Amino acid sequence: MILLEKEKSIPQATYVALASALKTHGYHVVVSDNRLKVENCCFVITDCVNCIVFSEDIIFLPASESQDTLKGMILMSVSPNFSPDSKIVNFVREIGIRTNLKGYHFLITAITLAVQNPKLLENITSALYPAVAKIYNVDPRCVERNIRNAINYAYQNDPARICKFFHNGLSKPYPSEIISFAADSILKHIPL
């Protein structure tokens, strides 16, 4: 894995402290080889990412975050109610959102949270964005701005690609439209 080759060594004490904190929540945790295994998930804390990154077999966490934030990210990831559904990831990629943008990760998390709790769709700005912001330890305005920027970038590069999913099909969709459309489609088992 390329990320691991560039990675600076994260102190083992960080992993041990996180393991101790997670055990208080009732999770089975094992620390080995600068990895944290929680239930069936493997986490690596690295300075090579600035937000949570889901790989096939490893979840990368940013070393720049506080221990409490890292614990929250891990708890969110191992929660039985959370998994970045491949439908969500595929949809976000299909509409042209580039994976290297912060908005990509924020959008996937926002859709996932909306699927888990559809009431969040009633107040996207005051409920959903703050929930995503709490996970990434950023300001809710940062979440909205990064999602909007990712959508703008996708729209500028290929407007037809992003607009083909929406009824009006002529204008750039708002972040709330994309989140609502994706969450509703998944909840109603409509293929994206």
N, C-alpha and C. Protein backbone atom coordinates (compact mmCIF):
# COMPACT_ATOMS: atom_id res chain seq x y z
N MET A 1 0.85 -1.17 0.00
CA MET A 1 0.00 0.00 0.00
C MET A 1 0.90 1.23 0.00
N ILE A 2 0.68 2.14 -0.92
CA ILE A 2 1.51 3.33 -1.08
C ILE A 2 1.48 4.19 0.19
N LEU A 3 0.30 4.32 0.81
CA LEU A 3 0.19 5.16 1.99
C LEU A 3 1.14 4.70 3.10
N LEU A 4 1.28 3.40 3.27
CA LEU A 4 2.11 2.88 4.34
C LEU A 4 3.59 3.14 4.09
N GLU A 5 4.01 3.20 2.85
CA GLU A 5 5.41 3.43 2.54
C GLU A 5 5.85 4.84 2.93
N LYS A 6 4.97 5.82 2.81
CA LYS A 6 5.30 7.20 3.12
C LYS A 6 5.04 7.55 4.59
N GLU A 7 4.34 6.69 5.28
CA GLU A 7 3.84 6.98 6.61
C GLU A 7 4.95 7.17 7.64
N LYS A 8 4.81 8.20 8.47
CA LYS A 8 5.70 8.38 9.61
C LYS A 8 5.19 7.45 10.72
N SER A 9 6.09 7.05 11.58
CA SER A 9 5.72 6.16 12.66
C SER A 9 4.87 6.90 13.70
N ILE A 10 3.69 6.39 13.95
CA ILE A 10 2.80 6.94 14.96
C ILE A 10 3.11 6.22 16.26
N PRO A 11 3.27 6.93 17.36
CA PRO A 11 3.65 6.28 18.61
C PRO A 11 2.67 5.16 19.01
N GLN A 12 3.26 4.05 19.45
CA GLN A 12 2.46 2.90 19.90
C GLN A 12 1.54 3.31 21.04
N ALA A 13 1.96 4.29 21.84
CA ALA A 13 1.14 4.76 22.96
C ALA A 13 -0.20 5.30 22.49
N THR A 14 -0.22 5.90 21.30
CA THR A 14 -1.48 6.41 20.74
C THR A 14 -2.45 5.26 20.51
N TYR A 15 -1.95 4.18 19.94
CA TYR A 15 -2.79 3.01 19.69
C TYR A 15 -3.26 2.38 21.00
N VAL A 16 -2.37 2.29 21.96
CA VAL A 16 -2.71 1.68 23.25
C VAL A 16 -3.78 2.51 23.97
N ALA A 17 -3.63 3.83 23.95
CA ALA A 17 -4.61 4.71 24.60
C ALA A 17 -5.98 4.58 23.92
N LEU A 18 -5.98 4.53 22.59
CA LEU A 18 -7.24 4.36 21.87
C LEU A 18 -7.87 3.01 22.19
N ALA A 19 -7.05 1.96 22.24
CA ALA A 19 -7.56 0.62 22.55
C ALA A 19 -8.22 0.61 23.92
N SER A 20 -7.58 1.24 24.88
CA SER A 20 -8.13 1.31 26.23
C SER A 20 -9.48 2.04 26.24
N ALA A 21 -9.55 3.17 25.52
CA ALA A 21 -10.79 3.94 25.46
C ALA A 21 -11.90 3.16 24.77
N LEU A 22 -11.56 2.41 23.73
CA LEU A 22 -12.57 1.65 22.98
C LEU A 22 -13.06 0.43 23.77
N LYS A 23 -12.19 -0.14 24.58
CA LYS A 23 -12.60 -1.30 25.40
C LYS A 23 -13.68 -0.91 26.39
N THR A 24 -13.68 0.37 26.83
CA THR A 24 -14.71 0.82 27.76
C THR A 24 -16.09 0.85 27.10
N HIS A 25 -16.10 0.84 25.76
CA HIS A 25 -17.37 0.81 25.02
C HIS A 25 -17.79 -0.63 24.70
N GLY A 26 -17.02 -1.60 25.19
CA GLY A 26 -17.39 -3.00 25.00
C GLY A 26 -16.86 -3.65 23.73
N TYR A 27 -15.93 -3.01 23.05
CA TYR A 27 -15.39 -3.57 21.82
C TYR A 27 -14.16 -4.43 22.09
N HIS A 28 -13.99 -5.46 21.29
CA HIS A 28 -12.77 -6.28 21.34
C HIS A 28 -11.72 -5.57 20.50
N VAL A 29 -10.59 -5.21 21.15
CA VAL A 29 -9.57 -4.40 20.49
C VAL A 29 -8.21 -5.08 20.63
N VAL A 30 -7.46 -5.11 19.52
CA VAL A 30 -6.11 -5.66 19.52
C VAL A 30 -5.19 -4.65 18.86
N VAL A 31 -4.05 -4.38 19.51
CA VAL A 31 -3.04 -3.48 18.94
C VAL A 31 -1.86 -4.33 18.50
N SER A 32 -1.49 -4.20 17.23
CA SER A 32 -0.31 -4.92 16.74
C SER A 32 0.24 -4.24 15.49
N ASP A 33 1.55 -4.18 15.41
CA ASP A 33 2.23 -3.64 14.22
C ASP A 33 1.67 -2.31 13.75
N ASN A 34 1.56 -1.35 14.65
CA ASN A 34 1.00 -0.04 14.32
C ASN A 34 -0.33 -0.12 13.60
N ARG A 35 -1.14 -1.03 14.07
CA ARG A 35 -2.51 -1.19 13.59
C ARG A 35 -3.40 -1.42 14.78
N LEU A 36 -4.61 -1.01 14.63
CA LEU A 36 -5.61 -1.20 15.68
C LEU A 36 -6.73 -2.02 15.08
N LYS A 37 -6.95 -3.20 15.62
CA LYS A 37 -8.03 -4.03 15.13
C LYS A 37 -9.19 -3.95 16.11
N VAL A 38 -10.31 -3.45 15.63
CA VAL A 38 -11.51 -3.31 16.43
C VAL A 38 -12.59 -4.12 15.75
N GLU A 39 -13.07 -5.14 16.47
CA GLU A 39 -14.01 -6.10 15.90
C GLU A 39 -13.39 -6.66 14.61
N ASN A 40 -13.99 -6.46 13.46
CA ASN A 40 -13.45 -6.98 12.20
C ASN A 40 -12.80 -5.90 11.34
N CYS A 41 -12.56 -4.73 11.93
CA CYS A 41 -11.99 -3.61 11.17
C CYS A 41 -10.56 -3.36 11.59
N CYS A 42 -9.72 -3.01 10.63
CA CYS A 42 -8.32 -2.69 10.89
C CYS A 42 -8.10 -1.20 10.61
N PHE A 43 -7.54 -0.49 11.60
CA PHE A 43 -7.32 0.94 11.48
C PHE A 43 -5.82 1.24 11.51
N VAL A 44 -5.41 2.20 10.67
CA VAL A 44 -4.04 2.68 10.67
C VAL A 44 -4.12 4.20 10.79
N ILE A 45 -3.37 4.74 11.74
CA ILE A 45 -3.30 6.19 11.91
C ILE A 45 -2.09 6.67 11.12
N THR A 46 -2.32 7.60 10.22
CA THR A 46 -1.26 8.03 9.32
C THR A 46 -1.30 9.53 9.07
N ASP A 47 -0.16 10.09 8.77
CA ASP A 47 -0.10 11.51 8.42
C ASP A 47 -0.32 11.70 6.92
N CYS A 48 -0.60 10.62 6.20
CA CYS A 48 -0.79 10.68 4.74
C CYS A 48 -2.22 11.02 4.34
N VAL A 49 -3.14 11.09 5.30
CA VAL A 49 -4.53 11.43 4.98
C VAL A 49 -4.96 12.57 5.89
N ASN A 50 -5.93 13.37 5.44
CA ASN A 50 -6.43 14.45 6.29
C ASN A 50 -7.88 14.23 6.69
N CYS A 51 -8.43 13.08 6.32
CA CYS A 51 -9.77 12.70 6.75
C CYS A 51 -9.84 11.17 6.68
N ILE A 52 -10.92 10.61 7.14
CA ILE A 52 -11.07 9.16 7.17
C ILE A 52 -11.08 8.63 5.73
N VAL A 53 -10.31 7.58 5.46
CA VAL A 53 -10.23 6.99 4.12
C VAL A 53 -10.49 5.49 4.24
N PHE A 54 -11.50 5.03 3.53
CA PHE A 54 -11.86 3.62 3.55
C PHE A 54 -11.17 2.91 2.41
N SER A 55 -10.32 1.95 2.74
CA SER A 55 -9.67 1.11 1.76
C SER A 55 -10.38 -0.24 1.80
N GLU A 56 -9.93 -1.19 0.99
CA GLU A 56 -10.59 -2.50 0.96
C GLU A 56 -10.51 -3.21 2.30
N ASP A 57 -9.32 -3.21 2.92
CA ASP A 57 -9.17 -3.96 4.16
C ASP A 57 -8.65 -3.12 5.32
N ILE A 58 -8.36 -1.85 5.10
CA ILE A 58 -7.85 -0.97 6.15
C ILE A 58 -8.61 0.35 6.09
N ILE A 59 -8.87 0.90 7.26
CA ILE A 59 -9.44 2.24 7.35
C ILE A 59 -8.33 3.15 7.86
N PHE A 60 -7.98 4.16 7.06
CA PHE A 60 -6.92 5.09 7.42
C PHE A 60 -7.51 6.29 8.15
N LEU A 61 -6.88 6.65 9.26
CA LEU A 61 -7.32 7.77 10.07
C LEU A 61 -6.21 8.83 10.10
N PRO A 62 -6.59 10.12 10.12
CA PRO A 62 -5.57 11.18 10.10
C PRO A 62 -4.86 11.34 11.44
N ALA A 63 -3.55 11.35 11.43
CA ALA A 63 -2.74 11.51 12.64
C ALA A 63 -2.91 12.89 13.26
N SER A 64 -3.37 13.85 12.47
CA SER A 64 -3.51 15.22 12.96
C SER A 64 -4.69 15.40 13.92
N GLU A 65 -5.57 14.41 14.01
CA GLU A 65 -6.77 14.53 14.84
C GLU A 65 -6.48 14.19 16.30
N SER A 66 -7.31 14.72 17.19
CA SER A 66 -7.17 14.42 18.62
C SER A 66 -7.59 12.98 18.89
N GLN A 67 -7.20 12.48 20.06
CA GLN A 67 -7.55 11.11 20.42
C GLN A 67 -9.07 10.94 20.50
N ASP A 68 -9.78 11.95 21.03
CA ASP A 68 -11.23 11.85 21.10
C ASP A 68 -11.86 11.78 19.72
N THR A 69 -11.35 12.56 18.78
CA THR A 69 -11.87 12.54 17.42
C THR A 69 -11.60 11.20 16.76
N LEU A 70 -10.38 10.69 16.95
CA LEU A 70 -10.05 9.37 16.39
C LEU A 70 -10.96 8.30 16.98
N LYS A 71 -11.20 8.37 18.27
CA LYS A 71 -12.10 7.40 18.90
C LYS A 71 -13.50 7.49 18.28
N GLY A 72 -13.98 8.72 18.06
CA GLY A 72 -15.29 8.91 17.44
C GLY A 72 -15.35 8.34 16.03
N MET A 73 -14.28 8.55 15.26
CA MET A 73 -14.22 8.01 13.90
C MET A 73 -14.25 6.48 13.92
N ILE A 74 -13.53 5.89 14.87
CA ILE A 74 -13.50 4.43 14.97
C ILE A 74 -14.87 3.90 15.38
N LEU A 75 -15.47 4.53 16.39
CA LEU A 75 -16.79 4.09 16.85
C LEU A 75 -17.82 4.18 15.73
N MET A 76 -17.74 5.28 14.95
CA MET A 76 -18.66 5.43 13.82
C MET A 76 -18.45 4.32 12.80
N SER A 77 -17.20 3.98 12.55
CA SER A 77 -16.87 3.00 11.52
C SER A 77 -17.25 1.57 11.92
N VAL A 78 -17.13 1.24 13.20
CA VAL A 78 -17.44 -0.13 13.63
C VAL A 78 -18.88 -0.30 14.07
N SER A 79 -19.61 0.80 14.13
CA SER A 79 -21.02 0.72 14.49
C SER A 79 -21.74 -0.16 13.48
N PRO A 80 -22.60 -1.06 13.95
CA PRO A 80 -23.32 -1.92 13.01
C PRO A 80 -24.22 -1.14 12.06
N ASN A 81 -24.54 0.09 12.43
CA ASN A 81 -25.41 0.90 11.58
C ASN A 81 -24.66 1.69 10.52
N PHE A 82 -23.32 1.66 10.58
CA PHE A 82 -22.54 2.46 9.63
C PHE A 82 -21.68 1.58 8.75
N SER A 83 -21.80 1.75 7.49
CA SER A 83 -20.82 1.20 6.56
C SER A 83 -20.98 1.98 5.28
N PRO A 84 -19.87 2.44 4.72
CA PRO A 84 -20.00 3.21 3.49
C PRO A 84 -20.44 2.27 2.38
N ASP A 85 -21.73 2.13 2.27
CA ASP A 85 -22.34 1.23 1.30
C ASP A 85 -21.73 1.45 -0.08
N SER A 86 -21.43 0.36 -0.75
CA SER A 86 -20.82 0.46 -2.08
C SER A 86 -21.75 1.21 -3.04
N LYS A 87 -23.05 1.14 -2.80
CA LYS A 87 -23.99 1.89 -3.65
C LYS A 87 -23.72 3.39 -3.52
N ILE A 88 -23.46 3.83 -2.29
CA ILE A 88 -23.21 5.24 -2.05
C ILE A 88 -21.90 5.66 -2.71
N VAL A 89 -20.86 4.88 -2.48
CA VAL A 89 -19.56 5.19 -3.06
C VAL A 89 -19.64 5.20 -4.59
N ASN A 90 -20.29 4.20 -5.16
CA ASN A 90 -20.43 4.13 -6.62
C ASN A 90 -21.22 5.31 -7.16
N PHE A 91 -22.30 5.70 -6.46
CA PHE A 91 -23.11 6.83 -6.91
C PHE A 91 -22.28 8.11 -6.91
N VAL A 92 -21.56 8.35 -5.82
CA VAL A 92 -20.77 9.58 -5.71
C VAL A 92 -19.71 9.62 -6.82
N ARG A 93 -19.11 8.49 -7.10
CA ARG A 93 -18.13 8.44 -8.20
C ARG A 93 -18.81 8.60 -9.55
N GLU A 94 -19.99 8.01 -9.70
CA GLU A 94 -20.72 8.06 -10.97
C GLU A 94 -21.11 9.49 -11.36
N ILE A 95 -21.42 10.32 -10.35
CA ILE A 95 -21.80 11.70 -10.68
C ILE A 95 -20.57 12.58 -10.93
N GLY A 96 -19.38 11.99 -10.79
CA GLY A 96 -18.16 12.70 -11.17
C GLY A 96 -17.40 13.36 -10.05
N ILE A 97 -17.74 13.05 -8.81
CA ILE A 97 -17.00 13.63 -7.69
C ILE A 97 -15.67 12.92 -7.58
N ARG A 98 -14.59 13.67 -7.58
CA ARG A 98 -13.24 13.08 -7.52
C ARG A 98 -12.91 12.64 -6.11
N THR A 99 -12.26 11.50 -6.00
CA THR A 99 -11.97 10.90 -4.70
C THR A 99 -10.92 11.67 -3.90
N ASN A 100 -10.15 12.53 -4.53
CA ASN A 100 -9.11 13.26 -3.80
C ASN A 100 -9.64 14.53 -3.14
N LEU A 101 -10.92 14.81 -3.28
CA LEU A 101 -11.50 16.02 -2.71
C LEU A 101 -12.11 15.73 -1.34
N LYS A 102 -11.98 16.66 -0.41
CA LYS A 102 -12.60 16.49 0.91
C LYS A 102 -14.11 16.33 0.77
N GLY A 103 -14.69 17.04 -0.17
CA GLY A 103 -16.13 16.96 -0.37
C GLY A 103 -16.61 15.56 -0.71
N TYR A 104 -15.76 14.77 -1.35
CA TYR A 104 -16.08 13.38 -1.67
C TYR A 104 -16.36 12.60 -0.39
N HIS A 105 -15.46 12.70 0.58
CA HIS A 105 -15.61 11.97 1.84
C HIS A 105 -16.77 12.52 2.66
N PHE A 106 -16.91 13.85 2.68
CA PHE A 106 -18.02 14.46 3.41
C PHE A 106 -19.36 14.03 2.81
N LEU A 107 -19.44 13.97 1.48
CA LEU A 107 -20.68 13.60 0.82
C LEU A 107 -21.05 12.14 1.11
N ILE A 108 -20.08 11.24 1.06
CA ILE A 108 -20.35 9.83 1.36
C ILE A 108 -20.84 9.69 2.80
N THR A 109 -20.19 10.38 3.72
CA THR A 109 -20.59 10.31 5.12
C THR A 109 -21.98 10.91 5.30
N ALA A 110 -22.26 12.03 4.65
CA ALA A 110 -23.58 12.67 4.77
C ALA A 110 -24.69 11.75 4.26
N ILE A 111 -24.47 11.13 3.12
CA ILE A 111 -25.48 10.21 2.57
C ILE A 111 -25.66 9.01 3.49
N THR A 112 -24.56 8.47 4.00
CA THR A 112 -24.62 7.32 4.89
C THR A 112 -25.41 7.66 6.16
N LEU A 113 -25.13 8.82 6.75
CA LEU A 113 -25.86 9.23 7.95
C LEU A 113 -27.33 9.47 7.65
N ALA A 114 -27.62 10.02 6.47
CA ALA A 114 -29.01 10.26 6.08
C ALA A 114 -29.77 8.96 5.88
N VAL A 115 -29.09 7.94 5.38
CA VAL A 115 -29.73 6.63 5.21
C VAL A 115 -30.01 6.02 6.59
N GLN A 116 -29.07 6.17 7.51
CA GLN A 116 -29.24 5.64 8.86
C GLN A 116 -30.33 6.36 9.62
N ASN A 117 -30.42 7.67 9.42
CA ASN A 117 -31.39 8.49 10.14
C ASN A 117 -32.03 9.48 9.18
N PRO A 118 -33.11 9.07 8.48
CA PRO A 118 -33.73 9.94 7.48
C PRO A 118 -34.24 11.28 8.02
N LYS A 119 -34.46 11.38 9.33
CA LYS A 119 -34.90 12.66 9.90
C LYS A 119 -33.86 13.76 9.69
N LEU A 120 -32.60 13.37 9.51
CA LEU A 120 -31.55 14.36 9.26
C LEU A 120 -31.80 15.11 7.95
N LEU A 121 -32.55 14.50 7.04
CA LEU A 121 -32.84 15.15 5.75
C LEU A 121 -33.79 16.34 5.91
N GLU A 122 -34.50 16.38 7.04
CA GLU A 122 -35.43 17.48 7.27
C GLU A 122 -34.69 18.80 7.53
N ASN A 123 -33.51 18.70 8.10
CA ASN A 123 -32.70 19.89 8.39
C ASN A 123 -31.25 19.61 8.03
N ILE A 124 -30.96 19.64 6.76
CA ILE A 124 -29.61 19.29 6.30
C ILE A 124 -28.58 20.26 6.85
N THR A 125 -28.88 21.56 6.78
CA THR A 125 -27.92 22.56 7.23
C THR A 125 -27.73 22.55 8.74
N SER A 126 -28.81 22.39 9.49
CA SER A 126 -28.69 22.49 10.95
C SER A 126 -28.56 21.15 11.66
N ALA A 127 -28.74 20.03 10.96
CA ALA A 127 -28.63 18.72 11.62
C ALA A 127 -27.60 17.82 10.94
N LEU A 128 -27.71 17.65 9.62
CA LEU A 128 -26.83 16.70 8.93
C LEU A 128 -25.39 17.22 8.83
N TYR A 129 -25.20 18.45 8.37
CA TYR A 129 -23.85 18.98 8.24
C TYR A 129 -23.12 19.00 9.59
N PRO A 130 -23.79 19.43 10.68
CA PRO A 130 -23.10 19.36 11.99
C PRO A 130 -22.73 17.93 12.40
N ALA A 131 -23.56 16.95 12.04
CA ALA A 131 -23.24 15.55 12.36
C ALA A 131 -21.99 15.10 11.61
N VAL A 132 -21.89 15.46 10.35
CA VAL A 132 -20.70 15.13 9.56
C VAL A 132 -19.50 15.90 10.11
N ALA A 133 -19.70 17.15 10.44
CA ALA A 133 -18.61 17.99 10.96
C ALA A 133 -18.05 17.42 12.25
N LYS A 134 -18.92 16.89 13.08
CA LYS A 134 -18.46 16.31 14.35
C LYS A 134 -17.57 15.10 14.11
N ILE A 135 -17.90 14.29 13.13
CA ILE A 135 -17.10 13.11 12.80
C ILE A 135 -15.70 13.51 12.36
N TYR A 136 -15.61 14.55 11.54
CA TYR A 136 -14.33 14.98 10.99
C TYR A 136 -13.66 16.10 11.79
N ASN A 137 -14.35 16.55 12.85
CA ASN A 137 -13.83 17.61 13.71
C ASN A 137 -13.55 18.89 12.92
N VAL A 138 -14.53 19.30 12.13
CA VAL A 138 -14.44 20.53 11.35
C VAL A 138 -15.72 21.34 11.58
N ASP A 139 -15.74 22.53 11.08
CA ASP A 139 -16.91 23.39 11.18
C ASP A 139 -17.97 22.92 10.18
N PRO A 140 -19.26 22.97 10.54
CA PRO A 140 -20.32 22.56 9.60
C PRO A 140 -20.28 23.33 8.28
N ARG A 141 -19.85 24.59 8.33
CA ARG A 141 -19.75 25.37 7.09
C ARG A 141 -18.68 24.80 6.17
N CYS A 142 -17.65 24.22 6.78
CA CYS A 142 -16.58 23.57 6.01
C CYS A 142 -17.13 22.36 5.26
N VAL A 143 -18.01 21.61 5.92
CA VAL A 143 -18.62 20.44 5.28
C VAL A 143 -19.43 20.87 4.07
N GLU A 144 -20.30 21.85 4.27
CA GLU A 144 -21.14 22.32 3.16
C GLU A 144 -20.29 22.89 2.03
N ARG A 145 -19.31 23.69 2.38
CA ARG A 145 -18.46 24.33 1.36
C ARG A 145 -17.71 23.28 0.54
N ASN A 146 -17.14 22.27 1.21
CA ASN A 146 -16.38 21.25 0.50
C ASN A 146 -17.26 20.37 -0.37
N ILE A 147 -18.47 20.06 0.10
CA ILE A 147 -19.40 19.30 -0.74
C ILE A 147 -19.79 20.13 -1.96
N ARG A 148 -20.10 21.40 -1.72
CA ARG A 148 -20.48 22.30 -2.83
C ARG A 148 -19.34 22.44 -3.84
N ASN A 149 -18.11 22.59 -3.34
CA ASN A 149 -16.95 22.70 -4.24
C ASN A 149 -16.75 21.43 -5.06
N ALA A 150 -16.94 20.27 -4.45
CA ALA A 150 -16.80 19.00 -5.17
C ALA A 150 -17.86 18.90 -6.27
N ILE A 151 -19.07 19.34 -5.96
CA ILE A 151 -20.16 19.32 -6.96
C ILE A 151 -19.85 20.31 -8.08
N ASN A 152 -19.39 21.51 -7.72
CA ASN A 152 -19.02 22.51 -8.74
C ASN A 152 -17.95 21.96 -9.67
N TYR A 153 -16.95 21.31 -9.10
CA TYR A 153 -15.86 20.75 -9.89
C TYR A 153 -16.40 19.69 -10.86
N ALA A 154 -17.25 18.80 -10.34
CA ALA A 154 -17.83 17.75 -11.19
C ALA A 154 -18.70 18.37 -12.29
N TYR A 155 -19.46 19.39 -11.94
CA TYR A 155 -20.34 20.04 -12.92
C TYR A 155 -19.55 20.76 -14.00
N GLN A 156 -18.46 21.42 -13.62
CA GLN A 156 -17.63 22.13 -14.60
C GLN A 156 -16.98 21.16 -15.58
N ASN A 157 -16.58 19.99 -15.08
CA ASN A 157 -15.90 19.02 -15.93
C ASN A 157 -16.85 18.26 -16.85
N ASP A 158 -18.05 17.94 -16.37
CA ASP A 158 -18.98 17.17 -17.18
C ASP A 158 -20.41 17.39 -16.67
N PRO A 159 -21.05 18.50 -17.07
CA PRO A 159 -22.38 18.82 -16.56
C PRO A 159 -23.42 17.74 -16.84
N ALA A 160 -23.35 17.11 -17.99
CA ALA A 160 -24.34 16.08 -18.34
C ALA A 160 -24.25 14.88 -17.41
N ARG A 161 -23.04 14.57 -16.99
CA ARG A 161 -22.82 13.40 -16.13
C ARG A 161 -23.55 13.54 -14.79
N ILE A 162 -23.46 14.72 -14.18
CA ILE A 162 -24.07 14.92 -12.88
C ILE A 162 -25.57 15.22 -13.00
N CYS A 163 -25.97 15.86 -14.08
CA CYS A 163 -27.37 16.26 -14.23
C CYS A 163 -28.28 15.12 -14.67
N LYS A 164 -27.74 14.05 -15.22
CA LYS A 164 -28.58 12.97 -15.74
C LYS A 164 -29.39 12.26 -14.66
N PHE A 165 -29.00 12.42 -13.40
CA PHE A 165 -29.71 11.75 -12.31
C PHE A 165 -30.89 12.56 -11.78
N PHE A 166 -30.98 13.82 -12.16
CA PHE A 166 -31.97 14.69 -11.55
C PHE A 166 -33.03 15.10 -12.54
N HIS A 167 -34.23 15.33 -12.02
CA HIS A 167 -35.40 15.59 -12.86
C HIS A 167 -35.24 16.78 -13.78
N ASN A 168 -34.71 17.88 -13.25
CA ASN A 168 -34.60 19.04 -14.13
C ASN A 168 -33.53 18.83 -15.20
N GLY A 169 -32.46 18.13 -14.87
CA GLY A 169 -31.45 17.74 -15.84
C GLY A 169 -30.74 18.89 -16.54
N LEU A 170 -31.07 20.12 -16.19
CA LEU A 170 -30.50 21.25 -16.90
C LEU A 170 -29.55 22.08 -16.04
N SER A 171 -29.79 22.13 -14.76
CA SER A 171 -28.96 22.96 -13.91
C SER A 171 -28.23 22.13 -12.86
N LYS A 172 -27.19 22.72 -12.33
CA LYS A 172 -26.37 22.04 -11.35
C LYS A 172 -27.20 21.78 -10.10
N PRO A 173 -27.20 20.53 -9.59
CA PRO A 173 -27.98 20.22 -8.39
C PRO A 173 -27.32 20.79 -7.13
N TYR A 174 -28.14 21.11 -6.15
CA TYR A 174 -27.65 21.56 -4.86
C TYR A 174 -27.16 20.35 -4.07
N PRO A 175 -26.26 20.57 -3.10
CA PRO A 175 -25.82 19.45 -2.26
C PRO A 175 -26.99 18.73 -1.60
N SER A 176 -27.97 19.49 -1.14
CA SER A 176 -29.13 18.87 -0.48
C SER A 176 -29.90 17.97 -1.44
N GLU A 177 -29.98 18.34 -2.72
CA GLU A 177 -30.66 17.50 -3.71
C GLU A 177 -29.93 16.17 -3.90
N ILE A 178 -28.61 16.24 -3.98
CA ILE A 178 -27.82 15.03 -4.19
C ILE A 178 -27.94 14.11 -2.98
N ILE A 179 -27.81 14.67 -1.79
CA ILE A 179 -27.90 13.86 -0.57
C ILE A 179 -29.28 13.24 -0.44
N SER A 180 -30.31 14.03 -0.63
CA SER A 180 -31.68 13.52 -0.52
C SER A 180 -31.98 12.46 -1.57
N PHE A 181 -31.58 12.71 -2.81
CA PHE A 181 -31.82 11.75 -3.89
C PHE A 181 -31.15 10.42 -3.59
N ALA A 182 -29.89 10.45 -3.20
CA ALA A 182 -29.16 9.22 -2.93
C ALA A 182 -29.76 8.47 -1.74
N ALA A 183 -30.03 9.18 -0.65
CA ALA A 183 -30.59 8.54 0.54
C ALA A 183 -31.97 7.95 0.25
N ASP A 184 -32.83 8.72 -0.42
CA ASP A 184 -34.17 8.22 -0.76
C ASP A 184 -34.10 7.00 -1.67
N SER A 185 -33.21 7.03 -2.64
CA SER A 185 -33.08 5.90 -3.56
C SER A 185 -32.65 4.64 -2.83
N ILE A 186 -31.73 4.77 -1.91
CA ILE A 186 -31.26 3.61 -1.14
C ILE A 186 -32.37 3.11 -0.20
N LEU A 187 -33.04 4.03 0.46
CA LEU A 187 -34.10 3.64 1.38
C LEU A 187 -35.28 2.98 0.67
N LYS A 188 -35.53 3.38 -0.58
CA LYS A 188 -36.65 2.81 -1.34
C LYS A 188 -36.18 1.69 -2.27
N HIS A 189 -34.91 1.31 -2.14
CA HIS A 189 -34.32 0.23 -2.93
C HIS A 189 -34.43 0.49 -4.43
N ILE A 190 -34.29 1.76 -4.80
CA ILE A 190 -34.27 2.13 -6.22
C ILE A 190 -32.83 2.07 -6.67
N PRO A 191 -32.50 1.40 -7.76
CA PRO A 191 -31.11 1.36 -8.20
C PRO A 191 -30.61 2.76 -8.56
N LEU A 192 -29.43 3.07 -8.08
CA LEU A 192 -28.84 4.38 -8.39
C LEU A 192 -28.18 4.32 -9.75
